[in-house]
Amino acid sequence: MRSILLVDDNIELVSLYKRVLVMMGGYTIAGIAHRGDDAIKLYREMKVKPDLIIMDVNMPGIDGISAADEILRYGGCKTKILFATSDYIYNKDLPPELSGSCIIQKPFSISEFLQAVKMCIMEKPETEIIAL
């Protein structure tokens, strides 16, 4: 079972992510946060780190990119990150620590979402970031 931390200020979208991932099997939800700063705090408190973080980019307070950067700097993180965003983000626009990312934009279908999750988890690099 792969564990996933969900981070999005859209409660309905988090609920959809959770339902789809649990229904598909093979995934457990390690935690849920609705703000970037809450995600950082939750991640630091986790004894067992999740395999994947699905994180919105545009959130109140600390945005998803800044939160991901902070999480990755925390203790040699091996967690992979999948960004969800309706903005157009390009690899060259990300900080160097996040430059190895793949980017897919919202809106997306459930099958595209699941494909992105599977691809992100299966990638070889220690950190893979995909924006949906």
Foldseek 3Di string as FASTA:
>chain_A
DFEEEEEALPPVVSVVVQVLDVVVDPYDYPYYYHALVVVLVVQVPDPDHGQEYEYEQDGPDHGPLRSVVSNCVPPNALHEYEYEYQDDDALVNHPPVQSQEAEDYDDDDSVVVVVVVVCRSPDDGSYYYYYD
